[in-house]
Amino acid sequence: MVTQPQLVVYVTTPHAARGRTILGTEFRFVRCKPEHFFGTVDHWVDKTEKVVVSDLERTVIDGLKQPEYCGGFSEVAKGFWMRRRDVDIRRLVDYALRLDVGAVIRRLGFLLEVSGIDAPGDLERLRTRMTATYHLLDPTLPAEGRRLARWGVRINVSPEEIETLRST
């Protein structure tokens, strides 16, 4: 789902782990609560070895939770747009609600809406879990831009960039 070269691979784990470089690729480990470690599948590397990776929906949720690890909100949105037909929207919303992070719920609602995803019931499930606070759409960018009350986000990504997300 990436559109830019990745110089660092971030790995979420419920255990403490030190970063390392393997075959020239730098791996950094991000710790999460054990109850937040879900949405994984086995991926076979070859006939005898497999690794555990996040499924498509969890990958999107992780990007919305910590956009700084994947190039910002715009990169998450581009990746989502490219794979939107493969994403199970109900599972995506279930994951956001299970994670129970306000910024993720808001960013996901905004992303689904701006992407034109027709899922009114799922959007309503997200809205019922919102509080009165606002979160930056992209925490890697300056805290500026208009506020969108419907999703409780401060849109600090340019309107032009948001428009181009759907043409990726």
N, C-alpha and C. Protein backbone atom coordinates (compact mmCIF):
# COMPACT_ATOMS: atom_id res chain seq x y z
N MET A 1 0.81 -1.20 0.00
CA MET A 1 0.00 0.00 0.00
C MET A 1 0.85 1.26 0.00
N VAL A 2 2.14 1.14 -0.06
CA VAL A 2 2.99 2.33 0.00
C VAL A 2 3.20 2.93 -1.38
N THR A 3 3.34 4.25 -1.40
CA THR A 3 3.62 4.94 -2.65
C THR A 3 4.99 5.59 -2.63
N GLN A 4 5.65 5.55 -1.48
CA GLN A 4 6.98 6.12 -1.32
C GLN A 4 7.92 5.02 -0.83
N PRO A 5 9.21 5.11 -1.15
CA PRO A 5 10.15 4.09 -0.65
C PRO A 5 10.21 4.13 0.87
N GLN A 6 10.25 2.97 1.48
CA GLN A 6 10.31 2.87 2.94
C GLN A 6 11.74 2.56 3.35
N LEU A 7 12.36 3.50 4.04
CA LEU A 7 13.73 3.31 4.50
C LEU A 7 13.76 2.61 5.85
N VAL A 8 12.63 2.70 6.55
CA VAL A 8 12.50 2.08 7.87
C VAL A 8 11.19 1.30 7.88
N VAL A 9 11.22 0.09 8.42
CA VAL A 9 10.01 -0.70 8.59
C VAL A 9 9.66 -0.67 10.07
N TYR A 10 8.42 -0.28 10.37
CA TYR A 10 7.95 -0.24 11.76
C TYR A 10 7.15 -1.49 12.04
N VAL A 11 7.43 -2.12 13.16
CA VAL A 11 6.78 -3.36 13.56
C VAL A 11 6.12 -3.13 14.91
N THR A 12 4.82 -3.40 14.99
CA THR A 12 4.10 -3.28 16.25
C THR A 12 4.18 -4.61 16.99
N THR A 13 4.47 -4.53 18.27
CA THR A 13 4.60 -5.73 19.08
C THR A 13 4.16 -5.44 20.52
N PRO A 14 3.58 -6.42 21.20
CA PRO A 14 3.25 -6.21 22.61
C PRO A 14 4.45 -6.41 23.54
N HIS A 15 5.60 -6.74 22.96
CA HIS A 15 6.81 -7.00 23.74
C HIS A 15 7.85 -5.93 23.47
N ALA A 16 8.71 -5.70 24.44
CA ALA A 16 9.82 -4.77 24.23
C ALA A 16 10.82 -5.41 23.27
N ALA A 17 11.29 -4.64 22.31
CA ALA A 17 12.27 -5.15 21.35
C ALA A 17 13.15 -4.00 20.87
N ARG A 18 14.39 -4.29 20.62
CA ARG A 18 15.33 -3.29 20.11
C ARG A 18 15.31 -3.28 18.60
N GLY A 19 15.51 -2.10 18.05
CA GLY A 19 15.60 -1.99 16.60
C GLY A 19 16.81 -2.73 16.07
N ARG A 20 16.73 -3.11 14.81
CA ARG A 20 17.86 -3.81 14.19
C ARG A 20 17.81 -3.63 12.69
N THR A 21 18.93 -3.88 12.08
CA THR A 21 19.02 -3.83 10.62
C THR A 21 19.24 -5.24 10.11
N ILE A 22 18.38 -5.65 9.16
CA ILE A 22 18.46 -6.99 8.60
C ILE A 22 18.53 -6.86 7.08
N LEU A 23 19.59 -7.38 6.51
CA LEU A 23 19.80 -7.32 5.06
C LEU A 23 19.63 -5.91 4.52
N GLY A 24 20.15 -4.94 5.28
CA GLY A 24 20.12 -3.55 4.83
C GLY A 24 18.84 -2.79 5.11
N THR A 25 17.84 -3.44 5.70
CA THR A 25 16.59 -2.78 6.03
C THR A 25 16.52 -2.55 7.53
N GLU A 26 16.25 -1.31 7.91
CA GLU A 26 16.15 -0.98 9.33
C GLU A 26 14.75 -1.29 9.83
N PHE A 27 14.68 -2.03 10.94
CA PHE A 27 13.41 -2.36 11.58
C PHE A 27 13.37 -1.68 12.94
N ARG A 28 12.27 -0.97 13.19
CA ARG A 28 12.05 -0.34 14.49
C ARG A 28 10.77 -0.92 15.07
N PHE A 29 10.79 -1.16 16.36
CA PHE A 29 9.67 -1.81 17.01
C PHE A 29 8.89 -0.80 17.85
N VAL A 30 7.59 -0.83 17.67
CA VAL A 30 6.67 0.06 18.38
C VAL A 30 5.86 -0.82 19.32
N ARG A 31 5.92 -0.51 20.59
CA ARG A 31 5.23 -1.34 21.57
C ARG A 31 3.77 -0.93 21.68
N CYS A 32 2.91 -1.91 21.83
CA CYS A 32 1.48 -1.65 22.04
C CYS A 32 1.01 -2.48 23.23
N LYS A 33 -0.15 -2.12 23.75
CA LYS A 33 -0.76 -2.90 24.83
C LYS A 33 -1.14 -4.27 24.26
N PRO A 34 -1.00 -5.33 25.06
CA PRO A 34 -1.37 -6.66 24.56
C PRO A 34 -2.80 -6.73 24.02
N GLU A 35 -3.73 -6.02 24.64
CA GLU A 35 -5.12 -6.06 24.17
C GLU A 35 -5.32 -5.31 22.86
N HIS A 36 -4.32 -4.52 22.46
CA HIS A 36 -4.38 -3.82 21.17
C HIS A 36 -3.69 -4.59 20.05
N PHE A 37 -3.18 -5.76 20.37
CA PHE A 37 -2.49 -6.58 19.36
C PHE A 37 -3.50 -7.56 18.76
N PHE A 38 -4.12 -7.15 17.67
CA PHE A 38 -5.11 -7.98 16.98
C PHE A 38 -5.11 -7.59 15.51
N GLY A 39 -5.82 -8.36 14.71
CA GLY A 39 -5.89 -8.06 13.28
C GLY A 39 -4.68 -8.53 12.52
N THR A 40 -4.21 -9.74 12.85
CA THR A 40 -3.01 -10.27 12.20
C THR A 40 -3.35 -11.51 11.39
N VAL A 41 -2.50 -11.79 10.43
CA VAL A 41 -2.61 -13.00 9.61
C VAL A 41 -1.21 -13.56 9.41
N ASP A 42 -1.16 -14.85 9.12
CA ASP A 42 0.12 -15.48 8.79
C ASP A 42 0.42 -15.24 7.32
N HIS A 43 1.65 -14.86 7.04
CA HIS A 43 2.10 -14.66 5.65
C HIS A 43 3.29 -15.59 5.43
N TRP A 44 3.13 -16.50 4.48
CA TRP A 44 4.19 -17.46 4.20
C TRP A 44 5.26 -16.79 3.34
N VAL A 45 6.48 -16.78 3.85
CA VAL A 45 7.62 -16.21 3.15
C VAL A 45 8.09 -17.20 2.08
N ASP A 46 8.13 -18.46 2.44
CA ASP A 46 8.44 -19.54 1.51
C ASP A 46 7.68 -20.77 1.99
N LYS A 47 8.04 -21.95 1.54
CA LYS A 47 7.28 -23.15 1.90
C LYS A 47 7.44 -23.58 3.35
N THR A 48 8.46 -23.05 4.03
CA THR A 48 8.71 -23.50 5.39
C THR A 48 8.68 -22.39 6.44
N GLU A 49 8.71 -21.15 6.01
CA GLU A 49 8.75 -20.06 6.98
C GLU A 49 7.60 -19.08 6.78
N LYS A 50 7.06 -18.65 7.92
CA LYS A 50 5.98 -17.67 7.87
C LYS A 50 6.26 -16.57 8.89
N VAL A 51 5.64 -15.44 8.64
CA VAL A 51 5.70 -14.32 9.58
C VAL A 51 4.27 -13.87 9.84
N VAL A 52 4.07 -13.23 10.96
CA VAL A 52 2.76 -12.68 11.31
C VAL A 52 2.76 -11.21 10.89
N VAL A 53 1.77 -10.82 10.10
CA VAL A 53 1.65 -9.44 9.64
C VAL A 53 0.23 -8.94 9.91
N SER A 54 0.06 -7.65 9.88
CA SER A 54 -1.28 -7.10 10.06
C SER A 54 -2.09 -7.34 8.81
N ASP A 55 -3.40 -7.56 9.01
CA ASP A 55 -4.26 -7.68 7.84
C ASP A 55 -4.48 -6.28 7.25
N LEU A 56 -5.12 -6.21 6.14
CA LEU A 56 -5.29 -4.95 5.42
C LEU A 56 -5.98 -3.89 6.29
N GLU A 57 -7.04 -4.29 6.97
CA GLU A 57 -7.79 -3.33 7.79
C GLU A 57 -6.96 -2.83 8.97
N ARG A 58 -6.22 -3.72 9.60
CA ARG A 58 -5.39 -3.30 10.74
C ARG A 58 -4.25 -2.40 10.28
N THR A 59 -3.75 -2.63 9.08
CA THR A 59 -2.70 -1.78 8.53
C THR A 59 -3.21 -0.35 8.39
N VAL A 60 -4.42 -0.20 7.89
CA VAL A 60 -5.02 1.14 7.76
C VAL A 60 -5.20 1.76 9.14
N ILE A 61 -5.71 1.01 10.09
CA ILE A 61 -5.93 1.52 11.45
C ILE A 61 -4.61 1.95 12.08
N ASP A 62 -3.57 1.17 11.93
CA ASP A 62 -2.26 1.54 12.48
C ASP A 62 -1.75 2.83 11.86
N GLY A 63 -1.97 2.99 10.56
CA GLY A 63 -1.55 4.22 9.90
C GLY A 63 -2.33 5.42 10.40
N LEU A 64 -3.60 5.25 10.71
CA LEU A 64 -4.40 6.35 11.25
C LEU A 64 -4.03 6.64 12.70
N LYS A 65 -3.61 5.63 13.41
CA LYS A 65 -3.22 5.81 14.81
C LYS A 65 -1.90 6.56 14.92
N GLN A 66 -0.94 6.18 14.09
CA GLN A 66 0.38 6.79 14.16
C GLN A 66 0.88 7.11 12.75
N PRO A 67 0.29 8.15 12.15
CA PRO A 67 0.66 8.50 10.77
C PRO A 67 2.14 8.84 10.59
N GLU A 68 2.80 9.21 11.66
CA GLU A 68 4.21 9.58 11.57
C GLU A 68 5.09 8.40 11.15
N TYR A 69 4.60 7.18 11.32
CA TYR A 69 5.38 6.00 10.94
C TYR A 69 5.17 5.58 9.49
N CYS A 70 4.28 6.27 8.79
CA CYS A 70 4.00 5.82 7.41
C CYS A 70 3.84 6.97 6.43
N GLY A 71 4.44 8.11 6.73
CA GLY A 71 4.42 9.22 5.78
C GLY A 71 3.28 10.20 5.95
N GLY A 72 2.52 10.10 7.02
CA GLY A 72 1.44 11.05 7.29
C GLY A 72 0.08 10.58 6.80
N PHE A 73 -0.94 11.34 7.15
CA PHE A 73 -2.32 10.99 6.80
C PHE A 73 -2.48 10.80 5.29
N SER A 74 -1.87 11.65 4.51
CA SER A 74 -2.04 11.56 3.06
C SER A 74 -1.57 10.22 2.50
N GLU A 75 -0.49 9.70 3.02
CA GLU A 75 0.00 8.39 2.56
C GLU A 75 -0.96 7.28 2.97
N VAL A 76 -1.51 7.38 4.18
CA VAL A 76 -2.49 6.39 4.62
C VAL A 76 -3.71 6.45 3.70
N ALA A 77 -4.17 7.66 3.41
CA ALA A 77 -5.34 7.84 2.55
C ALA A 77 -5.08 7.31 1.13
N LYS A 78 -3.89 7.54 0.61
CA LYS A 78 -3.56 7.04 -0.73
C LYS A 78 -3.56 5.51 -0.75
N GLY A 79 -2.94 4.92 0.28
CA GLY A 79 -2.92 3.46 0.37
C GLY A 79 -4.32 2.89 0.49
N PHE A 80 -5.15 3.53 1.31
CA PHE A 80 -6.54 3.08 1.45
C PHE A 80 -7.26 3.18 0.10
N TRP A 81 -7.09 4.30 -0.59
CA TRP A 81 -7.78 4.49 -1.87
C TRP A 81 -7.37 3.43 -2.88
N MET A 82 -6.08 3.10 -2.91
CA MET A 82 -5.60 2.09 -3.86
C MET A 82 -6.19 0.71 -3.59
N ARG A 83 -6.46 0.41 -2.34
CA ARG A 83 -6.94 -0.93 -1.96
C ARG A 83 -8.38 -0.93 -1.46
N ARG A 84 -9.11 0.17 -1.67
CA ARG A 84 -10.45 0.32 -1.10
C ARG A 84 -11.40 -0.81 -1.45
N ARG A 85 -11.26 -1.40 -2.62
CA ARG A 85 -12.16 -2.49 -3.01
C ARG A 85 -11.86 -3.79 -2.26
N ASP A 86 -10.68 -3.88 -1.68
CA ASP A 86 -10.28 -5.07 -0.94
C ASP A 86 -10.54 -4.95 0.56
N VAL A 87 -10.84 -3.75 1.02
CA VAL A 87 -11.01 -3.49 2.44
C VAL A 87 -12.43 -3.85 2.88
N ASP A 88 -12.53 -4.56 3.99
CA ASP A 88 -13.81 -4.86 4.61
C ASP A 88 -14.13 -3.69 5.54
N ILE A 89 -15.04 -2.83 5.12
CA ILE A 89 -15.33 -1.60 5.87
C ILE A 89 -15.85 -1.91 7.26
N ARG A 90 -16.72 -2.89 7.38
CA ARG A 90 -17.26 -3.25 8.71
C ARG A 90 -16.12 -3.65 9.65
N ARG A 91 -15.19 -4.49 9.16
CA ARG A 91 -14.05 -4.90 9.98
C ARG A 91 -13.18 -3.69 10.32
N LEU A 92 -12.97 -2.81 9.37
CA LEU A 92 -12.18 -1.60 9.59
C LEU A 92 -12.78 -0.78 10.74
N VAL A 93 -14.09 -0.57 10.69
CA VAL A 93 -14.77 0.19 11.75
C VAL A 93 -14.74 -0.59 13.07
N ASP A 94 -14.95 -1.90 13.01
CA ASP A 94 -14.86 -2.72 14.23
C ASP A 94 -13.50 -2.55 14.90
N TYR A 95 -12.43 -2.58 14.09
CA TYR A 95 -11.08 -2.43 14.64
C TYR A 95 -10.90 -1.06 15.29
N ALA A 96 -11.38 -0.02 14.62
CA ALA A 96 -11.25 1.34 15.18
C ALA A 96 -11.97 1.43 16.52
N LEU A 97 -13.15 0.87 16.59
CA LEU A 97 -13.93 0.92 17.84
C LEU A 97 -13.29 0.04 18.91
N ARG A 98 -12.74 -1.08 18.52
CA ARG A 98 -12.06 -1.96 19.48
C ARG A 98 -10.82 -1.29 20.04
N LEU A 99 -10.08 -0.60 19.20
CA LEU A 99 -8.89 0.10 19.65
C LEU A 99 -9.26 1.24 20.58
N ASP A 100 -10.40 1.88 20.31
CA ASP A 100 -10.98 2.93 21.16
C ASP A 100 -10.03 4.12 21.37
N VAL A 101 -9.48 4.61 20.26
CA VAL A 101 -8.62 5.79 20.27
C VAL A 101 -9.38 6.87 19.50
N GLY A 102 -9.71 7.97 20.18
CA GLY A 102 -10.52 9.02 19.58
C GLY A 102 -9.98 9.54 18.26
N ALA A 103 -8.69 9.75 18.16
CA ALA A 103 -8.10 10.28 16.93
C ALA A 103 -8.31 9.30 15.78
N VAL A 104 -8.21 8.01 16.04
CA VAL A 104 -8.38 6.99 15.00
C VAL A 104 -9.83 6.99 14.52
N ILE A 105 -10.76 7.05 15.44
CA ILE A 105 -12.19 7.06 15.09
C ILE A 105 -12.50 8.26 14.21
N ARG A 106 -11.99 9.43 14.59
CA ARG A 106 -12.24 10.66 13.82
C ARG A 106 -11.59 10.61 12.44
N ARG A 107 -10.33 10.22 12.40
CA ARG A 107 -9.61 10.17 11.12
C ARG A 107 -10.25 9.15 10.18
N LEU A 108 -10.68 8.02 10.73
CA LEU A 108 -11.30 7.00 9.89
C LEU A 108 -12.63 7.52 9.34
N GLY A 109 -13.44 8.14 10.17
CA GLY A 109 -14.70 8.69 9.69
C GLY A 109 -14.48 9.69 8.57
N PHE A 110 -13.53 10.58 8.76
CA PHE A 110 -13.21 11.57 7.74
C PHE A 110 -12.72 10.87 6.46
N LEU A 111 -11.82 9.90 6.61
CA LEU A 111 -11.27 9.18 5.46
C LEU A 111 -12.37 8.47 4.66
N LEU A 112 -13.25 7.79 5.35
CA LEU A 112 -14.33 7.08 4.66
C LEU A 112 -15.24 8.06 3.93
N GLU A 113 -15.54 9.16 4.59
CA GLU A 113 -16.43 10.15 3.98
C GLU A 113 -15.79 10.81 2.76
N VAL A 114 -14.55 11.24 2.89
CA VAL A 114 -13.88 11.93 1.78
C VAL A 114 -13.61 10.96 0.62
N SER A 115 -13.54 9.66 0.92
CA SER A 115 -13.31 8.66 -0.11
C SER A 115 -14.61 8.25 -0.79
N GLY A 116 -15.73 8.76 -0.30
CA GLY A 116 -17.01 8.43 -0.92
C GLY A 116 -17.49 7.02 -0.63
N ILE A 117 -17.07 6.45 0.48
CA ILE A 117 -17.49 5.10 0.85
C ILE A 117 -18.94 5.15 1.34
N ASP A 118 -19.78 4.36 0.74
CA ASP A 118 -21.20 4.34 1.09
C ASP A 118 -21.44 3.31 2.19
N ALA A 119 -21.32 3.75 3.42
CA ALA A 119 -21.50 2.87 4.58
C ALA A 119 -22.13 3.68 5.72
N PRO A 120 -23.36 4.16 5.53
CA PRO A 120 -23.97 5.05 6.54
C PRO A 120 -24.05 4.44 7.93
N GLY A 121 -24.35 3.15 8.03
CA GLY A 121 -24.42 2.52 9.34
C GLY A 121 -23.07 2.50 10.04
N ASP A 122 -22.02 2.23 9.28
CA ASP A 122 -20.68 2.20 9.87
C ASP A 122 -20.21 3.59 10.26
N LEU A 123 -20.52 4.59 9.44
CA LEU A 123 -20.17 5.97 9.79
C LEU A 123 -20.89 6.39 11.07
N GLU A 124 -22.13 5.98 11.21
CA GLU A 124 -22.90 6.31 12.42
C GLU A 124 -22.31 5.63 13.64
N ARG A 125 -21.85 4.39 13.49
CA ARG A 125 -21.20 3.71 14.62
C ARG A 125 -19.97 4.49 15.09
N LEU A 126 -19.23 5.05 14.15
CA LEU A 126 -18.06 5.87 14.52
C LEU A 126 -18.52 7.15 15.23
N ARG A 127 -19.53 7.81 14.68
CA ARG A 127 -20.00 9.08 15.26
C ARG A 127 -20.49 8.92 16.69
N THR A 128 -21.11 7.78 17.01
CA THR A 128 -21.64 7.60 18.37
C THR A 128 -20.54 7.48 19.41
N ARG A 129 -19.31 7.22 18.99
CA ARG A 129 -18.19 7.07 19.94
C ARG A 129 -17.33 8.34 20.06
N MET A 130 -17.74 9.40 19.37
CA MET A 130 -16.94 10.63 19.40
C MET A 130 -17.24 11.44 20.66
N THR A 131 -16.23 12.18 21.10
CA THR A 131 -16.39 13.12 22.20
C THR A 131 -16.28 14.52 21.62
N ALA A 132 -16.32 15.54 22.47
CA ALA A 132 -16.33 16.93 22.01
C ALA A 132 -14.95 17.47 21.63
N THR A 133 -13.91 16.67 21.76
CA THR A 133 -12.57 17.16 21.46
C THR A 133 -12.26 17.11 19.97
N TYR A 134 -11.22 17.84 19.57
CA TYR A 134 -10.74 17.84 18.18
C TYR A 134 -9.35 17.22 18.14
N HIS A 135 -9.06 16.56 17.04
CA HIS A 135 -7.72 16.00 16.81
C HIS A 135 -7.23 16.47 15.45
N LEU A 136 -5.93 16.60 15.33
CA LEU A 136 -5.34 16.95 14.04
C LEU A 136 -5.56 15.79 13.07
N LEU A 137 -5.92 16.12 11.86
CA LEU A 137 -6.04 15.09 10.84
C LEU A 137 -4.67 14.44 10.62
N ASP A 138 -3.62 15.26 10.57
CA ASP A 138 -2.26 14.75 10.41
C ASP A 138 -1.37 15.35 11.50
N PRO A 139 -1.04 14.57 12.53
CA PRO A 139 -0.22 15.10 13.63
C PRO A 139 1.23 15.41 13.23
N THR A 140 1.63 15.05 12.01
CA THR A 140 2.99 15.36 11.55
C THR A 140 3.07 16.76 10.96
N LEU A 141 1.93 17.42 10.79
CA LEU A 141 1.88 18.75 10.19
C LEU A 141 1.50 19.79 11.23
N PRO A 142 1.75 21.08 10.95
CA PRO A 142 1.41 22.14 11.91
C PRO A 142 -0.08 22.15 12.28
N ALA A 143 -0.35 22.60 13.49
CA ALA A 143 -1.73 22.68 14.01
C ALA A 143 -2.41 23.92 13.46
N GLU A 144 -2.83 23.84 12.21
CA GLU A 144 -3.53 24.93 11.56
C GLU A 144 -4.60 24.34 10.66
N GLY A 145 -5.43 25.18 10.10
CA GLY A 145 -6.49 24.71 9.21
C GLY A 145 -7.85 24.75 9.88
N ARG A 146 -8.87 24.56 9.07
CA ARG A 146 -10.23 24.67 9.59
C ARG A 146 -10.62 23.42 10.39
N ARG A 147 -11.60 23.61 11.24
CA ARG A 147 -12.11 22.50 12.05
C ARG A 147 -13.39 21.97 11.41
N LEU A 148 -13.49 20.67 11.37
CA LEU A 148 -14.68 20.02 10.84
C LEU A 148 -15.40 19.36 12.02
N ALA A 149 -16.49 19.99 12.45
CA ALA A 149 -17.21 19.52 13.64
C ALA A 149 -17.76 18.11 13.45
N ARG A 150 -18.21 17.79 12.24
CA ARG A 150 -18.83 16.49 11.98
C ARG A 150 -17.91 15.34 12.40
N TRP A 151 -16.61 15.50 12.19
CA TRP A 151 -15.66 14.45 12.57
C TRP A 151 -14.71 14.85 13.67
N GLY A 152 -14.80 16.06 14.17
CA GLY A 152 -13.92 16.47 15.26
C GLY A 152 -12.46 16.47 14.87
N VAL A 153 -12.19 16.87 13.61
CA VAL A 153 -10.81 16.93 13.16
C VAL A 153 -10.46 18.35 12.72
N ARG A 154 -9.23 18.69 12.90
CA ARG A 154 -8.69 19.92 12.35
C ARG A 154 -7.99 19.55 11.07
N ILE A 155 -8.51 20.04 9.96
CA ILE A 155 -8.01 19.63 8.65
C ILE A 155 -6.76 20.44 8.32
N ASN A 156 -5.62 19.88 8.70
CA ASN A 156 -4.35 20.55 8.47
C ASN A 156 -3.61 19.97 7.25
N VAL A 157 -4.38 19.36 6.37
CA VAL A 157 -3.89 18.89 5.08
C VAL A 157 -4.56 19.76 4.04
N SER A 158 -3.84 20.19 3.03
CA SER A 158 -4.41 21.11 2.05
C SER A 158 -5.59 20.48 1.31
N PRO A 159 -6.59 21.29 0.97
CA PRO A 159 -7.73 20.77 0.22
C PRO A 159 -7.31 20.15 -1.11
N GLU A 160 -6.28 20.70 -1.74
CA GLU A 160 -5.78 20.15 -3.00
C GLU A 160 -5.24 18.73 -2.79
N GLU A 161 -4.53 18.54 -1.69
CA GLU A 161 -3.96 17.23 -1.41
C GLU A 161 -5.06 16.21 -1.14
N ILE A 162 -6.08 16.63 -0.42
CA ILE A 162 -7.20 15.73 -0.15
C ILE A 162 -7.91 15.37 -1.46
N GLU A 163 -8.07 16.33 -2.35
CA GLU A 163 -8.72 16.07 -3.63
C GLU A 163 -7.91 15.10 -4.48
N THR A 164 -6.59 15.22 -4.43
CA THR A 164 -5.76 14.33 -5.25
C THR A 164 -5.72 12.91 -4.71
N LEU A 165 -6.11 12.71 -3.45
CA LEU A 165 -6.09 11.37 -2.88
C LEU A 165 -6.93 10.41 -3.71
N ARG A 166 -8.04 10.89 -4.21
CA ARG A 166 -8.95 10.03 -4.97
C ARG A 166 -8.50 9.83 -6.41
N SER A 167 -7.47 10.52 -6.83
CA SER A 167 -6.98 10.33 -8.21
C SER A 167 -5.69 9.53 -8.24
N THR A 168 -5.28 9.01 -7.10
CA THR A 168 -4.04 8.23 -7.00
C THR A 168 -4.20 6.89 -7.68
